[in-house]
């Protein structure tokens, strides 16, 4: 989507129905409404079109004012084995971009069913320095450069061309087992320079694992911005006079809130949740958060417990609000948000439609429809997982649930 957005001034994203995908490709992991929410939250998406036909026709794209269709360099065929883009290709209205290297749905399903941890990153600092990872020193150095470039690319604005999001990394020892009330604020290192908070913006902090960046995470972030917009509206933020003042002073308008997202390390999440969570490593999860239009800055390796020293040491000072959602996928033995509560800046987002959609829910969907996903993997040339692997995953999930129950008790 980033590459497609860079080719034009608007990006219209067609989203196939669950039924079309099942008939032509295989079972979906997310429902149509969940996938629409993901597209709408993407910074580079101008609009989404639900129920898009699996085979793209000229009348359909012309109806929505699209001059070109953009797709990756992989071949996409319908259920009859024919090219889904044959009509737009024949008309010379098809553009190809290089398929983004990295993980795919197939990779993620494999991680879920095989319970592997080889995707974990022990030290993001080490990875970015070319010291961690597979291969020769030269291969690790090249990979580090690719990761840094990808982070910069994902930190761009809605055009995909100009810097937007600030990206920071936090360093602290033993953050996975940090005790509440710790006084060491750690240190912050800027990875990407973007746009800092501007005049009048409320600085807001959220944090989490954001594993498999789902509709539950997206809706939470949308509601945080919505709450801040309500406060801004009450204070006159959206009046014509206020808007024109911001444009004249800063060259563009901007929202009333500046939202910073802290993203936890792999070891932190695995410490609390077990099995092989997170399914996505910290770089993959951080990129998912970065592309979300509700986010203005992220902090990699953020602590599980945002203490007062940590919050007051943030790049723009202590935030005016710290938000948390209605669910806790990583229940702990203590309240991680004691400091924000004592500082009087803690806020809770209420119940919402997608609050139950998290990494655990997605894994359960895969397990319940294992045979269909096995067939999907087979068609893609991926070796079958097998009953033993699935039983092992289910047993590990049950053991993790027991640990969670003991912590709650």
Protein backbone atom coordinates (compact mmCIF):
# COMPACT_ATOMS: atom_id res chain seq x y z
CA UNK A 1 0.00 0.00 0.00
CA UNK A 2 2.89 2.36 0.70
CA UNK A 3 4.40 1.72 -2.74
CA UNK A 4 1.01 2.14 -4.39
CA UNK A 5 0.36 5.43 -2.58
CA UNK A 6 3.66 6.82 -3.77
CA UNK A 7 2.53 6.38 -7.39
CA UNK A 8 -0.40 8.78 -7.16
CA UNK A 9 -2.24 11.39 -5.15
CA UNK A 10 -4.98 9.08 -3.82
CA UNK A 11 -5.15 5.38 -3.03
CA UNK A 12 -8.50 3.59 -3.24
CA UNK A 13 -8.31 0.11 -1.70
CA UNK A 14 -10.74 -2.58 -2.79
CA UNK A 15 -11.41 -5.27 -0.17
CA UNK A 16 -12.79 -8.64 -1.26
CA UNK A 17 -15.66 -10.32 0.57
CA UNK A 18 -15.08 -13.33 2.80
CA UNK A 19 -16.98 -15.49 0.30
CA UNK A 20 -14.90 -14.36 -2.71
CA UNK A 21 -11.67 -15.07 -0.86
CA UNK A 22 -12.85 -18.49 0.28
CA UNK A 23 -13.87 -19.44 -3.27
CA UNK A 24 -10.68 -18.20 -4.92
CA UNK A 25 -7.92 -18.41 -2.33
CA UNK A 26 -8.88 -20.04 0.93
CA UNK A 27 -10.27 -19.17 4.36
CA UNK A 28 -9.83 -15.68 5.79
CA UNK A 29 -8.40 -15.02 9.24
CA UNK A 30 -10.18 -11.68 9.66
CA UNK A 31 -13.79 -10.87 8.80
CA UNK A 32 -14.63 -8.31 6.12
CA UNK A 33 -15.47 -5.63 8.70
CA UNK A 34 -12.17 -6.27 10.50
CA UNK A 35 -10.21 -6.00 7.26
CA UNK A 36 -12.05 -2.80 6.31
CA UNK A 37 -11.13 -1.33 9.70
CA UNK A 38 -7.48 -2.16 9.03
CA UNK A 39 -7.52 -0.51 5.59
CA UNK A 40 -9.31 2.59 6.87
CA UNK A 41 -6.71 2.99 9.63
CA UNK A 42 -3.76 2.79 7.24
CA UNK A 43 -2.08 6.16 6.82
CA UNK A 44 -1.65 5.71 3.05
CA UNK A 45 -5.22 4.64 2.27
CA UNK A 46 -7.52 7.40 0.96
CA UNK A 47 -10.64 5.21 1.06
CA UNK A 48 -11.77 1.59 1.11
CA UNK A 49 -14.33 -0.15 -1.10
CA UNK A 50 -15.93 -3.24 0.49
CA UNK A 51 -17.06 -6.21 -1.59
CA UNK A 52 -14.54 -5.55 -4.36
CA UNK A 53 -14.72 -8.21 -7.13
CA UNK A 54 -11.92 -10.76 -7.11
CA UNK A 55 -11.41 -10.21 -10.85
CA UNK A 56 -10.90 -6.50 -11.47
CA UNK A 57 -12.84 -5.03 -14.41
CA UNK A 58 -12.40 -1.71 -16.24
CA UNK A 59 -15.94 -0.43 -15.51
CA UNK A 60 -15.43 -1.08 -11.80
CA UNK A 61 -12.19 0.92 -11.45
CA UNK A 62 -13.51 3.69 -13.71
CA UNK A 63 -16.60 3.98 -11.54
CA UNK A 64 -14.38 4.92 -8.59
CA UNK A 65 -12.23 7.31 -10.63
CA UNK A 66 -9.14 5.11 -10.61
CA UNK A 67 -6.70 5.50 -13.48
CA UNK A 68 -4.52 2.53 -12.58
CA UNK A 69 -4.55 -0.69 -10.61
CA UNK A 70 -1.45 -1.47 -8.56
CA UNK A 71 -0.41 -4.92 -7.38
CA UNK A 72 2.70 -6.77 -6.28
CA UNK A 73 4.86 -8.75 -8.69
CA UNK A 74 3.38 -12.07 -7.56
CA UNK A 75 0.78 -13.75 -9.77
CA UNK A 76 -2.82 -13.68 -8.53
CA UNK A 77 -5.28 -16.11 -10.12
CA UNK A 78 -8.99 -16.74 -9.67
CA UNK A 79 -10.58 -20.13 -8.97
CA UNK A 80 -10.30 -21.03 -12.68
CA UNK A 81 -6.60 -20.28 -12.77
CA UNK A 82 -6.97 -17.10 -14.81
CA UNK A 83 -5.18 -13.82 -14.10
CA UNK A 84 -7.34 -11.61 -11.85
CA UNK A 85 -6.00 -8.50 -13.57
CA UNK A 86 -6.19 -9.61 -17.20
CA UNK A 87 -8.66 -6.90 -18.21
CA UNK A 88 -6.77 -3.93 -16.75
CA UNK A 89 -3.48 -5.33 -18.04
CA UNK A 90 -4.90 -5.50 -21.57
CA UNK A 91 -5.98 -1.87 -21.27
CA UNK A 92 -2.53 -0.73 -20.12
CA UNK A 93 -3.86 0.37 -16.74
CA UNK A 94 -1.92 -2.01 -14.52
CA UNK A 95 1.17 -1.05 -12.51
CA UNK A 96 3.47 -3.51 -10.77
CA UNK A 97 5.39 -2.85 -7.57
CA UNK A 98 7.92 -5.15 -5.97
CA UNK A 99 6.32 -7.44 -3.43
CA UNK A 100 7.36 -6.34 0.05
CA UNK A 101 9.75 -8.93 1.47
CA UNK A 102 8.99 -10.23 4.93
CA UNK A 103 6.18 -12.10 6.58
CA UNK A 104 2.93 -13.23 4.98
CA UNK A 105 -0.29 -14.76 6.28
CA UNK A 106 1.21 -18.15 5.45
CA UNK A 107 4.27 -17.41 7.61
CA UNK A 108 2.15 -16.26 10.53
CA UNK A 109 -0.10 -19.32 10.40
CA UNK A 110 3.02 -21.49 10.43
CA UNK A 111 4.33 -19.71 13.55
CA UNK A 112 1.00 -20.21 15.29
CA UNK A 113 0.72 -23.91 14.54
CA UNK A 114 4.38 -24.84 15.01
CA UNK A 115 4.84 -22.71 18.15
CA UNK A 116 8.25 -21.52 16.98
CA UNK A 117 10.24 -18.73 18.62
CA UNK A 118 12.89 -18.29 15.95
CA UNK A 119 11.28 -14.99 14.90
CA UNK A 120 11.95 -13.41 18.32
CA UNK A 121 14.41 -10.52 18.52
CA UNK A 122 16.44 -10.61 21.74
CA UNK A 123 17.93 -7.16 21.34
CA UNK A 124 16.63 -4.54 18.92
CA UNK A 125 19.78 -2.52 19.61
CA UNK A 126 21.88 -5.51 18.59
CA UNK A 127 19.80 -6.13 15.48
CA UNK A 128 20.08 -2.51 14.32
CA UNK A 129 23.83 -2.63 14.93
CA UNK A 130 24.15 -5.76 12.79
CA UNK A 131 25.20 -7.84 15.78
CA UNK A 132 22.10 -10.06 16.10
CA UNK A 133 20.52 -12.32 13.53
CA UNK A 134 21.44 -15.07 11.14
CA UNK A 135 24.16 -15.19 8.51
CA UNK A 136 27.59 -13.66 8.13
CA UNK A 137 28.57 -10.30 9.63
CA UNK A 138 28.06 -8.72 6.20
CA UNK A 139 24.59 -10.27 5.86
CA UNK A 140 23.63 -9.05 9.34
CA UNK A 141 24.88 -5.55 8.52
CA UNK A 142 22.84 -5.49 5.32
CA UNK A 143 19.75 -6.73 7.16
CA UNK A 144 20.21 -4.02 9.79
CA UNK A 145 20.31 -1.37 7.06
CA UNK A 146 17.17 -2.80 5.47
CA UNK A 147 15.30 -2.73 8.79
CA UNK A 148 16.34 0.87 9.46
CA UNK A 149 15.23 1.92 5.97
CA UNK A 150 11.89 0.15 6.39
CA UNK A 151 11.28 1.94 9.68
CA UNK A 152 11.98 5.28 7.95
CA UNK A 153 9.63 4.36 5.10
CA UNK A 154 6.81 3.42 7.46
CA UNK A 155 7.28 6.66 9.40
CA UNK A 156 6.23 8.77 6.40
CA UNK A 157 3.10 10.89 6.03
CA UNK A 158 -0.06 10.09 4.04
CA UNK A 159 1.81 10.69 0.76
CA UNK A 160 4.42 8.11 1.69
CA UNK A 161 7.11 10.61 0.76
CA UNK A 162 7.67 13.07 3.62
CA UNK A 163 8.74 12.37 7.23
CA UNK A 164 5.89 12.30 9.74
CA UNK A 165 6.23 9.95 12.74
CA UNK A 166 8.96 10.27 15.31
CA UNK A 167 10.58 6.93 16.17
CA UNK A 168 12.42 6.33 19.43
CA UNK A 169 13.95 3.35 21.22
CA UNK A 170 14.04 2.96 24.99
CA UNK A 171 16.85 1.13 26.77
CA UNK A 172 16.54 -0.50 30.16
CA UNK A 173 17.86 -3.74 31.63
CA UNK A 174 15.54 -6.58 32.61
CA UNK A 175 12.40 -4.77 31.51
CA UNK A 176 10.53 -8.07 31.21
CA UNK A 177 10.68 -8.62 34.98
CA UNK A 178 10.55 -4.97 36.04
CA UNK A 179 8.99 -4.44 39.45
CA UNK A 180 6.34 -1.77 39.93
CA UNK A 181 7.64 1.51 41.23
CA UNK A 182 11.11 1.26 39.71
CA UNK A 183 12.92 4.60 39.68
CA UNK A 184 15.27 4.06 36.73
CA UNK A 185 13.84 6.02 33.77
CA UNK A 186 16.19 4.35 31.29
CA UNK A 187 17.33 6.27 28.22
CA UNK A 188 15.76 7.17 24.89
CA UNK A 189 17.46 7.09 21.52
CA UNK A 190 15.90 8.70 18.46
CA UNK A 191 15.85 6.41 15.41
CA UNK A 192 13.84 8.59 13.01
CA UNK A 193 13.22 12.33 13.16
CA UNK A 194 9.67 13.31 12.31
CA UNK A 195 7.17 15.94 13.39
CA UNK A 196 7.13 16.74 17.13
CA UNK A 197 3.98 17.91 18.95
CA UNK A 198 2.77 21.27 17.74
CA UNK A 199 1.13 24.19 19.46
CA UNK A 200 -1.97 23.23 21.40
CA UNK A 201 -1.73 19.48 20.92
CA UNK A 202 -2.34 17.19 23.90
CA UNK A 203 0.46 14.64 24.22
CA UNK A 204 -1.11 11.23 24.81
CA UNK A 205 0.64 7.94 25.64
CA UNK A 206 -0.59 4.40 24.94
CA UNK A 207 1.32 1.14 25.11
CA UNK A 208 0.97 -2.54 24.39
CA UNK A 209 2.23 -5.57 22.54
CA UNK A 210 0.09 -4.86 19.45
CA UNK A 211 0.66 -8.44 18.35
CA UNK A 212 -0.96 -9.29 14.98
CA UNK A 213 -2.12 -5.64 14.96
CA UNK A 214 -5.82 -6.45 14.86
CA UNK A 215 -9.13 -4.61 14.77
CA UNK A 216 -9.07 -4.63 18.59
CA UNK A 217 -5.91 -2.51 18.61
CA UNK A 218 -7.14 -0.30 15.77
CA UNK A 219 -10.49 0.43 17.37
CA UNK A 220 -8.81 1.24 20.68
CA UNK A 221 -6.53 3.78 18.99
CA UNK A 222 -9.44 5.24 17.01
CA UNK A 223 -11.44 5.71 20.21
CA UNK A 224 -8.47 7.39 21.92
CA UNK A 225 -8.35 9.94 19.10
CA UNK A 226 -12.13 10.28 19.22
CA UNK A 227 -12.02 11.07 22.95
CA UNK A 228 -9.35 13.69 22.37
CA UNK A 229 -11.35 15.18 19.51
CA UNK A 230 -14.39 15.49 21.78
CA UNK A 231 -12.29 17.45 24.25
CA UNK A 232 -10.87 19.54 21.42
CA UNK A 233 -14.33 20.29 20.06
CA UNK A 234 -15.46 21.49 23.47
CA UNK A 235 -12.43 23.80 23.57
CA UNK A 236 -13.06 25.29 20.13
CA UNK A 237 -10.35 23.36 18.29
CA UNK A 238 -12.44 22.77 15.18
CA UNK A 239 -13.76 26.28 14.61
CA UNK A 240 -12.90 27.86 11.24
CA UNK A 241 -10.92 30.58 12.99
CA UNK A 242 -8.80 28.09 14.95
CA UNK A 243 -8.20 25.97 11.86
CA UNK A 244 -7.08 28.93 9.76
CA UNK A 245 -4.78 30.06 12.56
CA UNK A 246 -3.02 26.67 12.63
CA UNK A 247 -2.67 26.63 8.86
CA UNK A 248 -1.25 30.16 8.74
CA UNK A 249 1.26 29.42 11.49
CA UNK A 250 2.29 25.87 10.58
CA UNK A 251 1.39 25.50 6.92
CA UNK A 252 -1.13 22.72 7.59
CA UNK A 253 -3.86 21.69 9.97
CA UNK A 254 -3.34 18.96 12.56
CA UNK A 255 -5.42 17.05 15.17
CA UNK A 256 -5.84 18.09 18.83
CA UNK A 257 -3.89 15.06 20.09
CA UNK A 258 -0.36 13.78 19.52
CA UNK A 259 -0.44 10.06 20.26
CA UNK A 260 2.73 8.21 21.25
CA UNK A 261 2.63 4.40 21.21
CA UNK A 262 5.02 2.35 23.31
CA UNK A 263 5.68 -1.12 21.87
CA UNK A 264 6.93 -3.85 24.24
CA UNK A 265 9.87 -6.17 23.53
CA UNK A 266 9.34 -9.80 22.50
CA UNK A 267 10.73 -11.08 25.80
CA UNK A 268 8.37 -8.84 27.78
CA UNK A 269 5.30 -10.22 26.02
CA UNK A 270 6.51 -13.81 26.21
CA UNK A 271 7.26 -13.39 29.93
CA UNK A 272 3.64 -12.51 30.63
CA UNK A 273 1.78 -14.52 27.99
CA UNK A 274 3.94 -17.58 27.39
CA UNK A 275 3.62 -20.15 24.56
CA UNK A 276 5.33 -18.45 21.59
CA UNK A 277 3.69 -15.06 21.89
CA UNK A 278 4.24 -12.63 20.34
CA UNK A 279 3.51 -14.17 16.95
CA UNK A 280 5.10 -11.11 15.34
CA UNK A 281 8.46 -9.79 16.54
CA UNK A 282 9.03 -6.24 17.76
CA UNK A 283 10.08 -4.88 14.36
CA UNK A 284 7.02 -6.37 12.64
CA UNK A 285 4.70 -5.10 15.36
CA UNK A 286 6.33 -1.67 15.40
CA UNK A 287 5.87 -1.30 11.64
CA UNK A 288 2.18 -2.21 12.00
CA UNK A 289 1.74 0.53 14.59
CA UNK A 290 3.74 3.04 12.55
CA UNK A 291 1.47 2.74 9.51
CA UNK A 292 -1.63 3.53 11.59
CA UNK A 293 -2.93 7.03 10.94
CA UNK A 294 -3.85 7.60 14.59
CA UNK A 295 -0.19 7.39 15.69
CA UNK A 296 2.31 10.27 15.65
CA UNK A 297 5.31 8.67 17.37
CA UNK A 298 6.35 5.26 18.62
CA UNK A 299 8.81 4.06 21.22
CA UNK A 300 10.34 0.64 20.59
CA UNK A 301 11.10 -1.52 23.65
CA UNK A 302 8.80 0.51 25.91
CA UNK A 303 8.59 -0.80 29.50
CA UNK A 304 5.67 -2.97 30.58
CA UNK A 305 5.17 -0.65 33.55
CA UNK A 306 5.18 3.06 32.61
CA UNK A 307 6.62 4.51 35.83
CA UNK A 308 6.65 8.21 36.69
CA UNK A 309 10.40 8.53 35.94
CA UNK A 310 9.80 6.94 32.55
CA UNK A 311 6.78 9.08 31.69
CA UNK A 312 8.49 12.31 32.74
CA UNK A 313 11.56 11.40 30.69
CA UNK A 314 9.62 11.07 27.42
CA UNK A 315 10.92 13.29 24.60
CA UNK A 316 8.13 15.86 24.99
CA UNK A 317 7.75 15.71 28.77
CA UNK A 318 5.12 13.88 30.78
CA UNK A 319 2.00 13.15 28.70
CA UNK A 320 -1.29 14.80 29.55
CA UNK A 321 -3.06 11.45 29.34
CA UNK A 322 -2.23 7.73 29.42
CA UNK A 323 -4.96 5.56 27.88
CA UNK A 324 -5.64 1.87 28.32
CA UNK A 325 -8.23 -0.37 26.63
CA UNK A 326 -11.04 -2.49 28.09
CA UNK A 327 -9.20 -5.81 27.90
CA UNK A 328 -5.94 -7.22 29.28
CA UNK A 329 -4.35 -9.85 27.04
CA UNK A 330 -1.25 -9.94 29.24
CA UNK A 331 -2.60 -10.03 32.81
CA UNK A 332 0.07 -9.47 35.44
CA UNK A 333 0.47 -9.67 39.19
CA UNK A 334 0.31 -5.91 39.55
CA UNK A 335 -1.36 -2.89 37.98
CA UNK A 336 1.10 -1.53 35.40
CA UNK A 337 -0.70 1.81 35.40
CA UNK A 338 -0.30 2.73 39.06
CA UNK A 339 1.92 5.72 38.24
CA UNK A 340 -0.43 7.27 35.65
CA UNK A 341 -3.31 6.84 38.11
CA UNK A 342 -1.36 8.58 40.88
CA UNK A 343 -0.38 11.35 38.44
CA UNK A 344 -4.04 11.88 37.60
CA UNK A 345 -3.54 11.26 33.87
CA UNK A 346 -4.90 7.72 33.49
CA UNK A 347 -7.91 7.29 31.19
CA UNK A 348 -9.80 4.18 30.17
CA UNK A 349 -11.42 3.52 26.81
CA UNK A 350 -14.78 1.81 27.21
CA UNK A 351 -16.12 -1.39 25.68
CA UNK A 352 -16.19 -1.59 21.90
CA UNK A 353 -17.15 -3.95 19.09
CA UNK A 354 -13.70 -5.45 18.56
CA UNK A 355 -12.41 -5.59 22.14
CA UNK A 356 -12.21 -9.39 22.05
CA UNK A 357 -10.10 -9.47 18.90
CA UNK A 358 -6.48 -9.94 19.97
CA UNK A 359 -3.62 -12.31 19.19
CA UNK A 360 -5.11 -15.06 21.35
CA UNK A 361 -8.45 -14.85 19.55
CA UNK A 362 -6.78 -15.00 16.15
CA UNK A 363 -4.78 -18.07 17.14
CA UNK A 364 -7.99 -19.76 18.28
CA UNK A 365 -9.62 -19.00 14.93
CA UNK A 366 -6.72 -20.72 13.18
CA UNK A 367 -6.90 -23.75 15.46
CA UNK A 368 -10.66 -24.13 15.00
CA UNK A 369 -10.31 -24.06 11.21
CA UNK A 370 -7.03 -25.96 11.11
CA UNK A 371 -7.94 -28.31 8.25
CA UNK A 372 -8.81 -25.44 5.92
CA UNK A 373 -5.59 -23.62 6.77
CA UNK A 374 -3.63 -26.84 6.32
CA UNK A 375 -5.02 -27.09 2.80
CA UNK A 376 -4.12 -23.47 2.17
CA UNK A 377 -0.56 -24.15 3.31
CA UNK A 378 -0.39 -27.28 1.12
CA UNK A 379 -1.49 -25.35 -1.99
CA UNK A 380 1.26 -22.83 -1.27
CA UNK A 381 3.82 -25.62 -1.06
CA UNK A 382 4.23 -25.43 2.70
CA UNK A 383 4.80 -28.73 4.51
CA UNK A 384 1.81 -29.89 6.54
CA UNK A 385 1.77 -29.16 10.25
CA UNK A 386 0.13 -32.34 11.50
CA UNK A 387 -2.09 -33.32 14.40
CA UNK A 388 0.79 -33.58 16.90
CA UNK A 389 1.82 -29.96 16.37
CA UNK A 390 -1.74 -28.75 16.79
CA UNK A 391 -2.22 -30.76 19.98
CA UNK A 392 1.05 -29.34 21.31
CA UNK A 393 -0.18 -25.80 20.61
CA UNK A 394 -3.48 -26.48 22.35
CA UNK A 395 -1.70 -27.95 25.38
CA UNK A 396 0.64 -24.97 25.59
CA UNK A 397 -2.34 -22.58 25.41
CA UNK A 398 -4.04 -24.45 28.26
CA UNK A 399 -0.88 -24.30 30.37
CA UNK A 400 -0.56 -20.57 29.69
CA UNK A 401 -4.19 -20.06 30.72
CA UNK A 402 -3.47 -21.84 34.03
CA UNK A 403 -0.56 -19.49 34.70
CA UNK A 404 -2.78 -16.49 33.94
CA UNK A 405 -5.47 -17.81 36.27
CA UNK A 406 -2.91 -18.28 39.07
CA UNK A 407 -1.66 -14.71 38.64
CA UNK A 408 -5.20 -13.36 38.80
CA UNK A 409 -5.92 -15.46 41.86
